[in-house]
């Protein structure tokens, strides 16, 4: 980026984290997907490739080199907070959809 807040990378990372929240509910909590390689394939492979946390680090470095300290700090904080909130939100929404038995989404109880 040539300066300013890297909105595109921010959006990709936050949306990828929301999908990780969905994946964890479906694979770990609810056991909807039981093959042992699905979670690492989707979580580490697909979503790990989709998210760009290495670009996030490079963007922060570039902002610091260009002495855009306020933007770098805002980007660092916003990414961490938004990414964690997105995982939580993805998990909460997925649980609610499963619990309500939304058409097209199989309902089920939480794993004990």
Protein backbone atom coordinates (compact mmCIF):
# COMPACT_ATOMS: atom_id res chain seq x y z
CA UNK A 1 0.00 0.00 0.00
CA UNK A 2 1.10 3.57 -0.62
CA UNK A 3 -0.08 4.87 2.71
CA UNK A 4 -3.31 5.10 4.60
CA UNK A 5 -5.27 2.36 6.25
CA UNK A 6 -5.05 -0.98 4.33
CA UNK A 7 -8.81 -1.60 4.19
CA UNK A 8 -8.70 -4.48 1.71
CA UNK A 9 -6.30 -6.62 3.74
CA UNK A 10 -8.22 -5.73 6.90
CA UNK A 11 -11.51 -6.88 5.32
CA UNK A 12 -10.02 -10.13 4.03
CA UNK A 13 -8.51 -11.00 7.40
CA UNK A 14 -11.67 -10.18 9.35
CA UNK A 15 -13.95 -12.11 6.98
CA UNK A 16 -11.58 -15.09 7.04
CA UNK A 17 -11.68 -15.07 10.84
CA UNK A 18 -15.49 -15.08 10.78
CA UNK A 19 -15.35 -18.16 8.56
CA UNK A 20 -12.94 -19.80 11.00
CA UNK A 21 -15.56 -19.25 13.73
CA UNK A 22 -18.15 -21.00 11.55
CA UNK A 23 -15.75 -23.85 10.81
CA UNK A 24 -14.89 -24.43 14.47
CA UNK A 25 -18.55 -24.70 15.47
CA UNK A 26 -19.32 -27.12 12.64
CA UNK A 27 -16.27 -29.33 13.20
CA UNK A 28 -15.36 -29.13 16.88
CA UNK A 29 -18.51 -28.20 18.80
CA UNK A 30 -21.22 -29.84 16.73
CA UNK A 31 -19.26 -32.55 14.97
CA UNK A 32 -21.09 -31.88 11.69
CA UNK A 33 -17.96 -32.59 9.68
CA UNK A 34 -16.19 -35.59 11.14
CA UNK A 35 -13.39 -36.49 8.73
CA UNK A 36 -10.13 -35.75 10.59
CA UNK A 37 -8.58 -33.88 7.66
CA UNK A 38 -11.46 -31.47 6.99
CA UNK A 39 -10.62 -29.01 9.78
CA UNK A 40 -6.90 -28.71 8.94
CA UNK A 41 -7.63 -28.60 5.20
CA UNK A 42 -10.23 -25.84 5.50
CA UNK A 43 -8.80 -24.02 8.52
CA UNK A 44 -5.09 -24.06 7.80
CA UNK A 45 -5.15 -24.65 4.07
CA UNK A 46 -8.08 -22.79 2.54
CA UNK A 47 -8.71 -20.10 5.18
CA UNK A 48 -5.01 -19.83 6.02
CA UNK A 49 -4.37 -19.12 2.36
CA UNK A 50 -7.33 -16.74 2.14
CA UNK A 51 -6.33 -14.63 5.12
CA UNK A 52 -3.24 -12.52 4.70
CA UNK A 53 -1.67 -12.03 8.09
CA UNK A 54 1.80 -11.96 6.51
CA UNK A 55 0.61 -9.04 4.39
CA UNK A 56 -0.78 -7.48 7.57
CA UNK A 57 2.70 -7.65 9.13
CA UNK A 58 4.31 -6.24 5.97
CA UNK A 59 1.72 -3.43 5.86
CA UNK A 60 2.42 -2.50 9.48
CA UNK A 61 6.15 -2.50 8.75
CA UNK A 62 5.64 -0.31 5.69
CA UNK A 63 3.51 2.15 7.65
CA UNK A 64 6.21 2.38 10.31
CA UNK A 65 8.96 2.88 7.71
CA UNK A 66 6.90 5.72 6.22
CA UNK A 67 6.52 7.09 9.75
CA UNK A 68 2.74 6.72 9.74
CA UNK A 69 2.75 5.73 13.39
CA UNK A 70 -0.89 6.56 14.13
CA UNK A 71 -2.15 4.53 11.16
CA UNK A 72 0.17 1.62 12.02
CA UNK A 73 -1.03 1.51 15.63
CA UNK A 74 -4.67 1.84 14.61
CA UNK A 75 -4.26 -0.94 12.03
CA UNK A 76 -2.53 -3.24 14.52
CA UNK A 77 -5.17 -2.73 17.20
CA UNK A 78 -8.16 -2.77 14.86
CA UNK A 79 -7.03 -5.98 13.15
CA UNK A 80 -6.53 -7.89 16.39
CA UNK A 81 -9.81 -6.70 17.93
CA UNK A 82 -11.87 -7.14 14.76
CA UNK A 83 -10.36 -10.55 13.95
CA UNK A 84 -11.15 -11.92 17.41
CA UNK A 85 -14.62 -10.37 17.33
CA UNK A 86 -15.21 -11.92 13.90
CA UNK A 87 -14.31 -15.42 15.13
CA UNK A 88 -16.71 -14.95 18.03
CA UNK A 89 -19.48 -13.55 15.80
CA UNK A 90 -19.08 -16.33 13.24
CA UNK A 91 -19.38 -18.92 15.99
CA UNK A 92 -22.39 -17.24 17.63
CA UNK A 93 -24.30 -16.84 14.37
CA UNK A 94 -23.58 -20.43 13.36
CA UNK A 95 -24.77 -21.77 16.73
CA UNK A 96 -27.97 -19.75 16.49
CA UNK A 97 -28.68 -20.92 12.94
CA UNK A 98 -28.13 -24.53 13.95
CA UNK A 99 -30.25 -24.18 17.09
CA UNK A 100 -33.16 -22.59 15.21
CA UNK A 101 -33.21 -25.24 12.51
CA UNK A 102 -33.00 -22.67 9.73
CA UNK A 103 -34.02 -24.25 6.39
CA UNK A 104 -30.93 -25.50 4.63
CA UNK A 105 -28.99 -25.73 7.89
CA UNK A 106 -29.28 -28.92 9.91
CA UNK A 107 -30.13 -28.32 13.55
CA UNK A 108 -28.50 -30.14 16.39
CA UNK A 109 -27.49 -29.91 20.00
CA UNK A 110 -24.14 -28.95 21.35
CA UNK A 111 -21.66 -31.75 21.81
CA UNK A 112 -21.25 -32.77 25.44
